[in-house]
Amino acid sequence: MTFVVNYHKENIINHLWDRLADCDLCPRNCGVNRLRGERGFCGGGTLAKVASFHPHRGEEFLLSGSQGSGTIFFSGCNMRCVYCQNYSISQRREGEELTEKELTRIMLYLQNRGCHNINLVTPSHFIPQIFRSLLKARENGLTIPVVYNTGGYDKKEVLEKIEGLVDIYLPDMKYAREESAYKYSEAQDYPRINREAVREMFRQVGEVEWGEEGVAKRGLIVRILIIPSLEDEARENLRFLAENVSQNVFISLMRQYRPCYKADLFPELSRSVDERTYREIVAYARELGLRNLILQ
């Protein structure tokens, strides 16, 4: 049965690979031929580009546990967030292009280091490359959960193709309004695309299930970074989750925002979020009946 399932998934991933010739893997629909070296919005080519990989102990505890999350940071991004804290990776695209075999070895290495999971950070523009390597890693003994850690700008129909290969979805919900999504990330349709993606992710993996040491082994965890001047949009996304996903969904309410990259060009973004505002948003989430808040 495992062979049949893997064979089926291999065919699906090969189909996604073929789509690189007229790339439409993400909502940008650039249409460039990445198999011939053309580059679209994300800057990705034929090979996955990796900036770094290591056991990461700074993620939410339900991912990091005691041994760390096996994090692989992919270079490039299908968004242009003006406040990005990892802009050297996402926008300057620092990193090294790796073969399928090299990426497979990294996954197995992180498992051998004792990591609780394989954490794919910003994977949306390298889905065929990543999941080809993942299938090989599974064949060679990879057993730990796979985390799909994304900015949330993902096509629902592409997510449907990788169903069964992802154990934990970890999407951002950045915006609730088109004007903000366009102004700060050049992604006007983000609110609609993001909400469709989050609902699809929940359909696939559901509420968090626990493994050893209180570390998640399956489920949806949503990150909402509180951004100055966009606090009402954070509230709108919280209401969406409560009314359209589940009141039991785990939500990481993050207050780590600091002005980075080009944020100083936008006066409304050139400050941190104060403690009072953060507490008000936490209280609002609880009023909505959201039970599983991760406060940071």
Protein backbone atom coordinates (compact mmCIF):
# COMPACT_ATOMS: atom_id res chain seq x y z
CA MET A 1 0.00 0.00 0.00
CA THR A 2 2.81 2.44 0.85
CA PHE A 3 4.38 1.81 -2.57
CA VAL A 4 1.07 2.48 -4.31
CA VAL A 5 0.55 5.72 -2.37
CA ASN A 6 4.11 6.91 -3.02
CA TYR A 7 3.86 6.00 -6.72
CA HIS A 8 0.65 8.03 -6.99
CA LYS A 9 2.22 11.00 -5.21
CA GLU A 10 5.34 10.74 -7.35
CA ASN A 11 3.19 11.11 -10.47
CA ILE A 12 1.48 14.16 -8.97
CA ILE A 13 4.79 15.80 -8.02
CA ASN A 14 6.15 15.09 -11.51
CA HIS A 15 3.09 16.84 -12.91
CA LEU A 16 3.85 19.87 -10.73
CA TRP A 17 7.45 19.72 -11.94
CA ASP A 18 6.26 19.93 -15.55
CA ARG A 19 4.35 23.10 -14.67
CA LEU A 20 7.69 24.83 -14.06
CA ALA A 21 7.90 25.14 -17.86
CA ASP A 22 5.08 27.70 -17.72
CA CYS A 23 5.17 28.40 -14.04
CA ASP A 24 1.82 28.78 -12.32
CA LEU A 25 2.60 27.10 -9.00
CA CYS A 26 1.68 30.15 -6.92
CA PRO A 27 -0.91 32.92 -7.34
CA ARG A 28 1.59 35.05 -9.28
CA ASN A 29 1.10 32.88 -12.39
CA CYS A 30 4.31 34.28 -13.90
CA GLY A 31 4.30 31.88 -16.84
CA VAL A 32 8.11 31.81 -17.11
CA ASN A 33 9.97 28.67 -18.19
CA ARG A 34 12.00 27.87 -15.09
CA LEU A 35 13.24 24.64 -16.68
CA ARG A 36 15.12 26.79 -19.21
CA GLY A 37 16.56 29.20 -16.66
CA GLU A 38 13.90 31.89 -16.73
CA ARG A 39 13.09 33.55 -13.40
CA GLY A 40 9.79 34.96 -12.26
CA PHE A 41 8.65 37.03 -9.30
CA CYS A 42 10.13 34.65 -6.70
CA GLY A 43 13.50 34.33 -8.43
CA GLY A 44 13.38 30.54 -8.25
CA GLY A 45 14.86 28.34 -10.94
CA THR A 46 15.02 24.61 -11.56
CA LEU A 47 16.85 23.73 -8.35
CA ALA A 48 15.67 24.53 -4.84
CA LYS A 49 17.80 27.24 -3.25
CA VAL A 50 18.57 26.92 0.47
CA ALA A 51 19.91 29.68 2.69
CA SER A 52 20.50 27.57 5.81
CA PHE A 53 19.37 24.51 7.74
CA HIS A 54 19.69 23.62 11.42
CA PRO A 55 17.83 22.46 14.53
CA HIS A 56 15.81 25.54 15.47
CA ARG A 57 14.88 25.97 19.13
CA GLY A 58 13.25 29.37 18.68
CA GLU A 59 9.98 28.23 17.13
CA GLU A 60 6.81 27.74 19.15
CA PHE A 61 7.41 25.02 21.76
CA LEU A 62 4.87 22.68 20.21
CA LEU A 63 7.25 22.56 17.21
CA SER A 64 10.69 23.00 18.80
CA GLY A 65 10.28 20.80 21.86
CA SER A 66 13.57 19.93 23.53
CA GLN A 67 15.54 18.95 20.42
CA GLY A 68 14.55 21.67 18.01
CA SER A 69 12.63 21.90 14.77
CA GLY A 70 14.61 20.74 11.73
CA THR A 71 14.40 24.00 9.85
CA ILE A 72 15.29 24.44 6.17
CA PHE A 73 15.17 28.07 5.02
CA PHE A 74 14.48 28.39 1.29
CA SER A 75 15.69 31.45 -0.60
CA GLY A 76 13.37 33.80 -2.44
CA CYS A 77 9.68 34.44 -1.84
CA ASN A 78 6.45 34.99 -3.74
CA MET A 79 5.73 38.10 -1.66
CA ARG A 80 7.40 41.51 -1.24
CA CYS A 81 6.76 42.36 2.41
CA VAL A 82 8.34 45.75 3.01
CA TYR A 83 8.96 44.90 6.68
CA CYS A 84 10.47 41.43 6.15
CA GLN A 85 12.87 40.46 8.94
CA ASN A 86 14.54 37.85 6.70
CA TYR A 87 14.92 40.10 3.66
CA SER A 88 18.48 38.93 2.96
CA ILE A 89 16.99 35.50 2.26
CA SER A 90 13.57 36.41 0.85
CA GLN A 91 14.48 39.44 -1.28
CA ARG A 92 18.25 39.28 -1.81
CA ARG A 93 17.92 35.50 -2.25
CA GLU A 94 21.09 34.54 -0.46
CA GLY A 95 21.73 30.81 -0.49
CA GLU A 96 22.89 27.85 -2.55
CA GLU A 97 21.06 25.83 -5.17
CA LEU A 98 20.89 22.16 -4.22
CA THR A 99 20.17 18.97 -6.11
CA GLU A 100 17.33 16.68 -5.17
CA LYS A 101 19.81 14.28 -3.60
CA GLU A 102 21.49 17.00 -1.53
CA LEU A 103 18.13 18.20 -0.17
CA THR A 104 17.18 14.62 0.70
CA ARG A 105 20.42 14.27 2.68
CA ILE A 106 19.66 17.43 4.63
CA MET A 107 16.27 16.08 5.69
CA LEU A 108 17.79 12.81 6.87
CA TYR A 109 20.62 14.69 8.62
CA LEU A 110 18.14 16.79 10.60
CA GLN A 111 16.26 13.66 11.67
CA ASN A 112 19.54 12.07 12.75
CA ARG A 113 20.28 15.18 14.84
CA GLY A 114 17.14 14.38 16.83
CA CYS A 115 14.88 17.12 15.44
CA HIS A 116 11.17 16.66 16.08
CA ASN A 117 10.15 17.55 12.52
CA ILE A 118 11.29 18.82 9.12
CA ASN A 119 10.32 22.50 8.97
CA LEU A 120 10.10 23.81 5.37
CA VAL A 121 10.31 27.60 5.58
CA THR A 122 8.95 29.54 2.58
CA PRO A 123 8.44 26.45 0.38
CA SER A 124 5.66 27.66 -1.94
CA HIS A 125 7.85 28.42 -4.97
CA PHE A 126 9.85 25.17 -4.72
CA ILE A 127 7.09 22.62 -4.15
CA PRO A 128 8.07 20.12 -6.89
CA GLN A 129 11.75 20.17 -5.90
CA ILE A 130 11.06 19.87 -2.18
CA PHE A 131 8.53 17.09 -2.38
CA ARG A 132 10.57 15.05 -4.85
CA SER A 133 13.32 15.10 -2.23
CA LEU A 134 10.83 14.36 0.54
CA LEU A 135 9.55 11.24 -1.21
CA LYS A 136 13.15 10.01 -1.52
CA ALA A 137 13.79 10.81 2.13
CA ARG A 138 10.70 8.82 3.14
CA GLU A 139 11.98 5.86 1.13
CA ASN A 140 15.29 6.14 2.98
CA GLY A 141 13.92 6.21 6.49
CA LEU A 142 12.51 9.67 7.19
CA THR A 143 9.69 9.25 9.72
CA ILE A 144 9.33 12.58 11.53
CA PRO A 145 6.49 15.00 10.68
CA VAL A 146 6.79 17.56 7.90
CA VAL A 147 5.91 21.21 8.60
CA TYR A 148 4.84 23.48 5.74
CA ASN A 149 5.84 26.93 7.07
CA THR A 150 4.48 29.55 4.68
CA GLY A 151 3.62 33.20 4.28
CA GLY A 152 0.17 31.99 3.36
CA TYR A 153 0.13 33.01 -0.31
CA ASP A 154 -0.56 29.51 -1.62
CA LYS A 155 -2.88 28.20 -4.31
CA LYS A 156 -5.58 25.93 -2.93
CA GLU A 157 -5.39 23.59 -5.94
CA VAL A 158 -1.62 23.14 -5.51
CA LEU A 159 -2.07 22.42 -1.79
CA GLU A 160 -4.59 19.76 -2.76
CA LYS A 161 -1.87 18.01 -4.78
CA ILE A 162 0.41 17.59 -1.76
CA GLU A 163 -2.29 16.30 0.57
CA GLY A 164 -0.91 13.42 2.60
CA LEU A 165 2.69 14.66 2.38
CA VAL A 166 2.35 17.46 4.94
CA ASP A 167 1.64 16.73 8.60
CA ILE A 168 1.61 20.24 10.04
CA TYR A 169 0.62 23.42 8.24
CA LEU A 170 2.04 26.66 9.67
CA PRO A 171 0.70 29.57 7.58
CA ASP A 172 0.77 33.29 8.25
CA MET A 173 -2.37 35.37 8.06
CA LYS A 174 -0.92 38.79 7.28
CA TYR A 175 -3.77 40.84 5.87
CA ALA A 176 -7.55 40.99 5.75
CA ARG A 177 -7.86 43.86 3.27
CA GLU A 178 -6.70 44.09 -0.33
CA GLU A 179 -5.31 47.61 -0.09
CA SER A 180 -2.92 46.66 2.70
CA ALA A 181 -1.85 43.46 0.95
CA TYR A 182 -1.01 45.42 -2.19
CA LYS A 183 0.69 48.32 -0.42
CA TYR A 184 2.95 46.26 1.82
CA SER A 185 3.43 42.98 -0.09
CA GLU A 186 2.40 43.57 -3.73
CA ALA A 187 -0.23 40.86 -3.35
CA GLN A 188 -3.66 42.47 -3.69
CA ASP A 189 -5.55 39.17 -3.77
CA TYR A 190 -3.80 37.88 -0.64
CA PRO A 191 -6.85 37.99 1.69
CA ARG A 192 -8.96 35.75 -0.57
CA ILE A 193 -6.11 33.41 -1.54
CA ASN A 194 -4.92 33.15 2.06
CA ARG A 195 -8.31 32.29 3.50
CA GLU A 196 -8.94 29.66 0.84
CA ALA A 197 -5.53 28.16 1.60
CA VAL A 198 -6.05 28.12 5.38
CA ARG A 199 -9.39 26.37 5.04
CA GLU A 200 -7.84 23.79 2.72
CA MET A 201 -4.97 23.22 5.13
CA PHE A 202 -7.43 22.65 7.96
CA ARG A 203 -9.44 20.24 5.82
CA GLN A 204 -6.30 18.20 5.28
CA VAL A 205 -4.79 18.05 8.77
CA GLY A 206 -7.45 19.31 11.19
CA GLU A 207 -6.81 20.31 14.78
CA VAL A 208 -3.47 19.72 16.47
CA GLU A 209 -2.65 16.18 17.50
CA TRP A 210 0.10 15.57 20.02
CA GLY A 211 3.16 13.36 19.88
CA GLU A 212 5.85 12.78 22.48
CA GLU A 213 7.09 15.55 24.79
CA GLY A 214 4.08 17.73 24.05
CA VAL A 215 5.23 18.35 20.49
CA ALA A 216 2.67 18.50 17.69
CA LYS A 217 2.65 15.63 15.22
CA ARG A 218 -0.22 16.84 13.03
CA GLY A 219 -2.58 19.77 12.58
CA LEU A 220 -2.96 23.42 11.65
CA ILE A 221 -1.17 26.21 13.52
CA VAL A 222 -1.81 29.77 12.31
CA ARG A 223 0.60 32.64 12.88
CA ILE A 224 -0.70 36.19 13.14
CA LEU A 225 2.02 38.83 13.46
CA ILE A 226 0.58 41.98 15.01
CA ILE A 227 1.66 44.80 12.67
CA PRO A 228 1.35 48.47 13.68
CA SER A 229 -1.57 50.20 11.94
CA LEU A 230 -2.97 46.79 10.90
CA GLU A 231 -4.34 45.73 14.27
CA ASP A 232 -7.94 45.73 13.01
CA GLU A 233 -6.94 43.33 10.23
CA ALA A 234 -5.50 40.98 12.82
CA ARG A 235 -8.88 41.10 14.56
CA GLU A 236 -10.68 40.37 11.27
CA ASN A 237 -8.50 37.32 10.68
CA LEU A 238 -9.11 36.08 14.20
CA ARG A 239 -12.84 36.39 13.61
CA PHE A 240 -12.50 34.49 10.34
CA LEU A 241 -10.71 31.62 12.11
CA ALA A 242 -13.30 31.47 14.89
CA GLU A 243 -16.27 31.51 12.52
CA ASN A 244 -14.94 29.57 9.51
CA VAL A 245 -12.22 27.22 10.71
CA SER A 246 -12.41 26.19 14.38
CA GLN A 247 -12.42 27.73 17.81
CA ASN A 248 -9.91 25.03 18.72
CA VAL A 249 -7.34 26.01 16.09
CA PHE A 250 -3.93 26.88 17.53
CA ILE A 251 -3.02 30.51 16.89
CA SER A 252 0.39 32.01 17.51
CA LEU A 253 -0.23 35.68 18.27
CA MET A 254 3.15 37.25 17.62
CA ARG A 255 4.37 40.63 18.87
CA GLN A 256 7.93 40.31 17.53
CA TYR A 257 7.37 42.93 14.84
CA ARG A 258 10.16 45.45 14.48
CA PRO A 259 10.81 47.87 11.61
CA CYS A 260 13.08 46.11 9.11
CA TYR A 261 14.01 46.25 5.42
CA LYS A 262 11.97 49.11 3.90
CA ALA A 263 9.63 49.73 6.82
CA ASP A 264 11.20 53.13 7.48
CA LEU A 265 9.68 54.31 4.18
CA PHE A 266 6.23 53.84 5.73
CA PRO A 267 5.75 56.00 8.85
CA GLU A 268 2.85 53.86 10.06
CA LEU A 269 5.14 50.80 10.13
CA SER A 270 8.12 52.49 11.75
CA ARG A 271 7.32 51.51 15.31
CA SER A 272 6.69 48.50 17.47
CA VAL A 273 3.34 47.32 18.79
CA ASP A 274 2.75 48.44 22.35
CA GLU A 275 1.86 46.05 25.16
CA ARG A 276 -1.62 47.50 25.66
CA THR A 277 -2.59 46.93 22.02
CA TYR A 278 -1.29 43.38 22.13
CA ARG A 279 -3.30 42.62 25.27
CA GLU A 280 -6.44 44.05 23.69
CA ILE A 281 -6.06 41.75 20.69
CA VAL A 282 -5.52 38.75 22.98
CA ALA A 283 -8.68 39.68 24.89
CA TYR A 284 -10.61 39.98 21.62
CA ALA A 285 -9.46 36.52 20.53
CA ARG A 286 -10.70 35.08 23.79
CA GLU A 287 -14.04 36.86 23.40
CA LEU A 288 -14.40 35.06 20.06
CA GLY A 289 -14.07 31.75 21.89
CA LEU A 290 -10.63 30.92 20.50
CA ARG A 291 -9.21 28.52 23.06
CA ASN A 292 -5.66 27.77 21.95
CA LEU A 293 -3.62 30.95 21.86
CA ILE A 294 0.15 30.90 21.85
CA LEU A 295 1.26 34.23 23.28
CA GLN A 296 4.66 35.56 22.32
